[in-house]
Amino acid sequence: MIFRTRFAPLALTGLLSLGACSTPLGLSQSAPKTKVLVLGMIHSGHLTSETYGLAELEQILRAARPDAVLTEIPPDRLRQAAKEFAATGVITEPRVRVFPEYVDVLFPLQAELGFDIVPCAGWTRDMADARRTKLAELRETHPKESAMVSEGFDYIDSVLDREGLSGTPQGIHTDRYDEIVELGMTPYDVHFNGALGLGGWTNINDAHWALCAQELNRRRGTGDRVVITFGSWHKGRLRQALALRNDCVEVDAGEVVRGALGDPLGAAKAD
């Protein structure tokens, strides 16, 4: 299932060129396509969620059968984290340890299943610090735009809750979830992307995708199964960029999730 949305023109403003550059030229039509599944993470929420906890995430990853997992870990942080896990089974590297999905699930599962862990986060500490400082400044200098941005964030939370899509893996892995996030993020993207520089919404998604695309380029023609794991609000942008590639086919994450965990949303609709 390839993802197309009615809000694609805005979302793909930055990703069109990246997608074109990453689409392989001269790839044999008979070459097997890379099978890519995009999973949305809820980070610390995995520690408390009754429906999308660490155990459920492990079930989903096992069902996905990845050859590689592309992660929201910066390239300069993975080596230290992997070294720590190999030596002690405990990860203390600051940027990685904040993600329970990696510390408590992905690294232990890799030791058993043998897939590659690939760092694909475009964030750096300097970028994050600069973004935080600039946002505080924008709240003072652009109060009207800041209010619209806050309303957009509130829209996402309220609509996801109202439609029963918030917090469950079945709800997160739907087209509707991505549509709601994209609409709610529009004020933030339109008003602040340029002001925030590399940490802007389109800019950081472009940076994430560029690293993912490098790995997909490396695996083109292999027929590998690749899972991409980023925060769930990034998922729609990554899926739209993926749809521009002719060497990949998207695996329906919703089907994998429902196969691993069941479908309470479908049962509710039936009732």
Protein backbone atom coordinates (compact mmCIF):
# COMPACT_ATOMS: atom_id res chain seq x y z
CA MET A 1 0.00 0.00 0.00
CA ILE A 2 1.49 3.29 -1.13
CA PHE A 3 0.43 6.36 0.81
CA ARG A 4 -1.06 9.33 -1.06
CA THR A 5 -2.69 12.24 0.75
CA ARG A 6 -4.66 15.30 -0.20
CA PHE A 7 -2.23 17.45 1.81
CA ALA A 8 0.84 16.15 -0.01
CA PRO A 9 1.78 19.42 -1.81
CA LEU A 10 2.60 21.16 1.49
CA ALA A 11 4.18 18.15 3.14
CA LEU A 12 6.40 17.35 0.17
CA THR A 13 7.77 20.83 -0.39
CA GLY A 14 11.16 19.85 0.97
CA LEU A 15 11.04 16.13 0.24
CA LEU A 16 10.35 16.24 -3.50
CA SER A 17 13.96 16.93 -4.37
CA LEU A 18 15.24 14.40 -1.85
CA GLY A 19 12.89 11.78 -3.20
CA ALA A 20 13.96 12.46 -6.77
CA CYS A 21 17.62 12.26 -5.86
CA SER A 22 17.18 9.06 -3.90
CA THR A 23 15.14 7.26 -6.55
CA PRO A 24 17.59 4.91 -8.25
CA LEU A 25 18.19 5.29 -11.97
CA GLY A 26 18.61 2.27 -14.19
CA LEU A 27 17.39 -0.22 -11.59
CA SER A 28 16.28 -3.41 -13.30
CA GLN A 29 12.54 -3.89 -13.18
CA SER A 30 13.17 -7.48 -12.16
CA ALA A 31 15.29 -6.47 -9.16
CA PRO A 32 13.51 -7.22 -5.89
CA LYS A 33 12.15 -4.15 -4.15
CA THR A 34 13.05 -3.23 -0.60
CA LYS A 35 10.07 -3.81 1.67
CA VAL A 36 9.72 -0.88 4.06
CA LEU A 37 7.48 -0.59 7.11
CA VAL A 38 7.22 2.75 8.93
CA LEU A 39 6.43 2.42 12.65
CA GLY A 40 5.47 5.35 14.86
CA MET A 41 7.05 5.40 18.31
CA ILE A 42 5.65 7.06 21.44
CA HIS A 43 9.01 7.17 23.24
CA SER A 44 8.55 7.37 27.03
CA GLY A 45 4.88 6.55 26.49
CA HIS A 46 5.92 2.97 25.80
CA LEU A 47 6.77 2.67 29.50
CA THR A 48 3.22 3.40 30.67
CA SER A 49 0.89 2.56 27.79
CA GLU A 50 -1.43 -0.38 28.40
CA THR A 51 -1.91 -0.91 24.67
CA TYR A 52 1.43 0.13 23.12
CA GLY A 53 3.94 -0.83 25.77
CA LEU A 54 7.34 -2.41 25.29
CA ALA A 55 5.88 -5.91 25.10
CA GLU A 56 3.52 -4.89 22.30
CA LEU A 57 6.32 -3.15 20.43
CA GLU A 58 8.43 -6.30 20.67
CA GLN A 59 5.57 -8.36 19.24
CA ILE A 60 5.23 -5.93 16.33
CA LEU A 61 8.94 -5.98 15.56
CA ARG A 62 9.03 -9.75 15.66
CA ALA A 63 6.11 -9.86 13.24
CA ALA A 64 7.85 -7.35 10.96
CA ARG A 65 10.92 -9.63 10.60
CA PRO A 66 13.35 -6.81 9.75
CA ASP A 67 16.74 -7.14 8.13
CA ALA A 68 17.42 -3.59 9.30
CA VAL A 69 15.81 -1.05 11.61
CA LEU A 70 16.34 2.64 10.81
CA THR A 71 16.21 4.54 14.08
CA GLU A 72 15.80 8.00 15.55
CA ILE A 73 19.36 7.79 16.86
CA PRO A 74 21.93 10.32 15.61
CA PRO A 75 24.81 8.73 13.68
CA ASP A 76 27.39 10.02 16.17
CA ARG A 77 25.65 8.30 19.13
CA LEU A 78 25.07 4.74 17.95
CA ARG A 79 28.60 3.39 18.27
CA GLN A 80 28.90 4.32 21.94
CA ALA A 81 25.46 2.92 22.73
CA ALA A 82 26.21 -0.34 20.94
CA LYS A 83 29.56 -0.64 22.72
CA GLU A 84 27.91 -0.13 26.11
CA PHE A 85 25.20 -2.68 25.41
CA ALA A 86 27.67 -5.28 24.19
CA ALA A 87 29.85 -4.81 27.28
CA THR A 88 27.25 -4.53 30.05
CA GLY A 89 23.76 -4.88 28.61
CA VAL A 90 23.06 -1.33 29.84
CA ILE A 91 23.02 1.83 27.72
CA THR A 92 23.97 5.11 29.37
CA GLU A 93 24.66 7.17 26.24
CA PRO A 94 22.42 10.23 26.93
CA ARG A 95 20.75 10.65 23.53
CA VAL A 96 19.91 6.94 23.22
CA ARG A 97 18.92 6.05 26.77
CA VAL A 98 15.91 8.41 26.62
CA PHE A 99 14.30 6.06 24.07
CA PRO A 100 12.99 2.95 25.85
CA GLU A 101 11.99 1.47 22.50
CA TYR A 102 15.69 1.16 21.69
CA VAL A 103 17.23 0.51 25.09
CA ASP A 104 14.67 -2.04 26.29
CA VAL A 105 13.46 -3.59 23.04
CA LEU A 106 15.56 -2.97 19.96
CA PHE A 107 19.07 -3.69 21.25
CA PRO A 108 18.05 -6.85 23.15
CA LEU A 109 16.05 -8.05 20.15
CA GLN A 110 18.96 -7.42 17.79
CA ALA A 111 21.14 -9.68 19.90
CA GLU A 112 18.59 -12.44 19.28
CA LEU A 113 17.44 -11.79 15.71
CA GLY A 114 20.58 -10.27 14.18
CA PHE A 115 19.13 -7.34 12.22
CA ASP A 116 21.12 -4.15 11.61
CA ILE A 117 20.45 -1.03 13.67
CA VAL A 118 20.99 2.06 11.52
CA PRO A 119 21.19 5.61 12.98
CA CYS A 120 19.08 8.02 10.90
CA ALA A 121 18.20 10.97 13.16
CA GLY A 122 19.08 14.36 11.73
CA TRP A 123 19.16 15.97 15.19
CA THR A 124 22.30 17.23 16.87
CA ARG A 125 22.57 18.66 20.37
CA ASP A 126 23.41 22.11 18.96
CA MET A 127 20.34 22.03 16.70
CA ALA A 128 18.07 21.04 19.57
CA ASP A 129 19.48 23.75 21.83
CA ALA A 130 19.17 26.39 19.11
CA ARG A 131 15.58 25.36 18.38
CA ARG A 132 14.62 25.59 22.06
CA THR A 133 16.14 29.05 22.38
CA LYS A 134 14.54 30.31 19.17
CA LEU A 135 11.09 29.02 20.12
CA ALA A 136 11.28 30.93 23.40
CA GLU A 137 12.20 34.06 21.45
CA LEU A 138 9.38 33.56 18.94
CA ARG A 139 6.82 33.32 21.72
CA GLU A 140 7.81 36.87 22.68
CA THR A 141 8.28 38.37 19.22
CA HIS A 142 5.48 36.54 17.35
CA PRO A 143 2.67 35.96 19.87
CA LYS A 144 -0.07 35.69 17.22
CA GLU A 145 1.76 33.02 15.25
CA SER A 146 2.76 31.26 18.46
CA ALA A 147 -0.89 31.09 19.48
CA MET A 148 -1.81 29.53 16.11
CA VAL A 149 0.98 26.99 16.54
CA SER A 150 -0.34 26.05 19.98
CA GLU A 151 -3.85 25.73 18.57
CA GLY A 152 -2.49 23.38 15.92
CA PHE A 153 -0.88 21.16 18.54
CA ASP A 154 -4.11 21.16 20.57
CA TYR A 155 -6.03 20.24 17.41
CA ILE A 156 -3.88 17.14 16.96
CA ASP A 157 -4.35 15.95 20.53
CA SER A 158 -8.08 16.65 20.66
CA VAL A 159 -8.98 15.10 17.30
CA LEU A 160 -6.83 12.02 17.86
CA ASP A 161 -8.53 11.53 21.23
CA ARG A 162 -12.00 12.16 19.85
CA GLU A 163 -11.52 9.67 17.02
CA GLY A 164 -9.94 7.05 19.26
CA LEU A 165 -6.60 7.07 17.44
CA SER A 166 -4.36 8.33 20.23
CA GLY A 167 -2.07 5.99 22.10
CA THR A 168 -2.98 2.66 20.52
CA PRO A 169 -0.73 1.10 17.88
CA GLN A 170 -3.78 0.26 15.77
CA GLY A 171 -4.89 3.90 15.81
CA ILE A 172 -1.43 5.35 15.28
CA HIS A 173 -0.82 3.23 12.20
CA THR A 174 -3.63 4.63 10.07
CA ASP A 175 -3.72 7.15 7.25
CA ARG A 176 -6.15 9.23 9.28
CA TYR A 177 -3.64 9.63 12.11
CA ASP A 178 -1.06 11.01 9.68
CA GLU A 179 -3.61 13.35 8.11
CA ILE A 180 -4.58 14.82 11.48
CA VAL A 181 -0.94 15.36 12.45
CA GLU A 182 -0.14 17.02 9.13
CA LEU A 183 -3.06 19.43 9.40
CA GLY A 184 -2.26 20.34 12.98
CA MET A 185 1.43 20.86 12.25
CA THR A 186 0.72 23.23 9.35
CA PRO A 187 0.83 26.49 11.40
CA TYR A 188 4.10 25.45 13.02
CA ASP A 189 5.58 24.55 9.66
CA VAL A 190 4.32 27.61 7.78
CA HIS A 191 5.19 30.21 10.39
CA PHE A 192 8.31 28.83 12.06
CA ASN A 193 10.11 26.39 9.78
CA GLY A 194 12.37 29.06 8.31
CA ALA A 195 12.93 30.84 11.61
CA LEU A 196 13.98 27.60 13.31
CA GLY A 197 16.56 26.79 10.67
CA LEU A 198 17.72 23.18 10.66
CA GLY A 199 15.36 22.42 13.55
CA GLY A 200 12.23 23.51 11.66
CA TRP A 201 9.53 20.91 10.99
CA THR A 202 10.09 20.44 7.26
CA ASN A 203 13.83 20.90 7.67
CA ILE A 204 14.27 18.23 10.33
CA ASN A 205 12.01 15.79 8.49
CA ASP A 206 14.12 16.35 5.39
CA ALA A 207 17.25 15.64 7.43
CA HIS A 208 15.76 12.45 8.88
CA TRP A 209 14.67 11.27 5.46
CA ALA A 210 18.03 12.03 3.83
CA LEU A 211 19.71 9.59 6.22
CA CYS A 212 16.98 7.00 5.73
CA ALA A 213 17.31 7.39 1.96
CA GLN A 214 21.06 6.77 2.13
CA GLU A 215 20.44 3.42 3.77
CA LEU A 216 17.66 2.52 1.34
CA ASN A 217 20.01 3.39 -1.52
CA ARG A 218 22.59 1.03 -0.07
CA ARG A 219 20.03 -1.79 0.06
CA ARG A 220 18.40 -1.22 -3.31
CA GLY A 221 17.74 -4.38 -5.24
CA THR A 222 18.22 -6.65 -2.22
CA GLY A 223 14.60 -7.32 -1.36
CA ASP A 224 15.45 -6.65 2.30
CA ARG A 225 12.78 -5.90 4.88
CA VAL A 226 13.45 -2.53 6.51
CA VAL A 227 11.59 -1.02 9.47
CA ILE A 228 11.77 2.74 10.08
CA THR A 229 11.15 3.79 13.71
CA PHE A 230 10.59 7.48 14.44
CA GLY A 231 8.25 9.44 16.65
CA SER A 232 4.70 8.91 15.43
CA TRP A 233 4.24 12.53 14.32
CA HIS A 234 7.12 12.11 11.85
CA LYS A 235 5.58 9.01 10.34
CA GLY A 236 3.39 10.70 7.72
CA ARG A 237 6.24 12.75 6.26
CA LEU A 238 8.49 9.70 6.04
CA ARG A 239 5.77 7.69 4.33
CA GLN A 240 5.18 10.40 1.76
CA ALA A 241 8.88 10.52 0.93
CA LEU A 242 9.00 6.74 0.70
CA ALA A 243 6.17 6.77 -1.84
CA LEU A 244 8.43 8.68 -4.26
CA ARG A 245 10.87 5.78 -4.58
CA ASN A 246 10.44 3.14 -7.27
CA ASP A 247 12.83 0.67 -5.67
CA CYS A 248 10.79 0.27 -2.48
CA VAL A 249 7.34 -0.96 -1.59
CA GLU A 250 5.67 0.07 1.63
CA VAL A 251 4.47 -2.70 3.89
CA ASP A 252 1.16 -1.78 5.51
CA ALA A 253 2.13 -1.15 9.14
CA GLY A 254 -1.49 -1.33 10.20
CA GLU A 255 -1.78 -4.87 8.87
CA VAL A 256 1.41 -5.91 10.66
CA VAL A 257 0.22 -4.34 13.91
CA ARG A 258 -3.22 -5.95 13.69
CA GLY A 259 -1.65 -9.30 12.83
CA ALA A 260 0.61 -9.10 15.86
CA LEU A 261 -1.81 -7.63 18.39
CA GLY A 262 -5.35 -8.01 17.06
CA ASP A 263 -7.75 -5.26 16.01
CA PRO A 264 -9.78 -3.73 18.86
CA LEU A 265 -10.71 -0.78 16.63
CA GLY A 266 -12.26 -3.14 14.13
CA ALA A 267 -14.09 -4.98 16.89
CA ALA A 268 -15.44 -1.69 18.24
CA LYS A 269 -16.74 -0.74 14.80
CA ALA A 270 -18.39 -4.14 14.46
CA ASP A 271 -20.18 -3.63 17.77
